Amino acid sequence: MENNINLLKKLHILFVDDERLIREIVSDMLSDSVGHVSLASNGREGLEFYLNSLRPIDIVISDQTMPVMHGLDMLEKIKEHNPSQKCIMITAHSEAKYMLRAIEIGIEHFMIKPISFSKLETILHDLAYKIEQEILLVEKERLNQRQLLDHAFNTSLISLVNNIPLPSFIIDQNDQIIAGNSEISTIFIGTPFYKNFIDKTLNLKDILSSNSLSQINPLICDWKEEFLLIEEDLSFEIEENVYKPKIKRILSNNNIPFYLLCLIETTRLAK
């Protein structure tokens, strides 16, 4: 896990206060440890900046009493827009009405003026760690979801190829055979390719004759896409048999192409 200094360097903080001197002091102090600090002079200006910022804001720090729009009003609108937004409320008085409303809005931390920079830094470290953990959790959930989708897609490919009565298999973009039915397995039994086929380490180009290989080295694009485009018959020689495979493209959930090849035997080469 990254140390606290590196975590703070990733942060983009929006600091909102109507007093220019306080904005400058806080900006100078935060700039030593935080990656980027943006400033606003009132709630409306802060809200507009937040909603239109090209760089996502990680933490909003705001004073309460300001002209045009108070801090809590701004933070409430920000929380409505993004409930997970991390916010720090600064006020001159520990008044219960402000505290209760801030809790209802979902403000994470409160500070009483004057600002203690050591306390602020501690709070920022805490929020930076929470942000990192939330990002890791989202990435983990996305990875799990992708793995579930990939598993479902792979299962559907296996089911598809197993229900075809002709020798059939599926290859990826690199011509690796990733699935095949019992009919194609029968062709490979007794050949040097059978073990690799079972282990799913067999590449289509490994089993083709030199004549067949010359057909799948097109100049225009990937040979599979080229034959799909021109709809021309393609002949394969495998273990002294000539096949004319039918090719069909299948797209995964991530739009990655896979190719189903059904082999139709045409002739047996003379020995």
Foldseek 3Di string as FASTA:
>chain_A
DDDLQVLQLPAEEEEEAQDPVVQVVVLVLSVVRHNHYHYYNALVRSLVCQVPPPDHHQEYEYEADHPPHGPLVSLLVVCVVPVPRAYEYEYQDPDPVVVVSCVVSPHDYYYHPPDDVVVVSVVSSVSSVVVVVVVVVVVVVVVVVVVVQVVVVVVVQQVVQQPDPFWKFKAFLQQQTQYTYVNVLVLCPPHPCNVCVVVSNDGPVVFFDPVLVVQQPDPPDGSLVVCVVVVDFGWTAGPQWIWTWDWDWDAGPVRGTMIMTGTDTDDGHDD
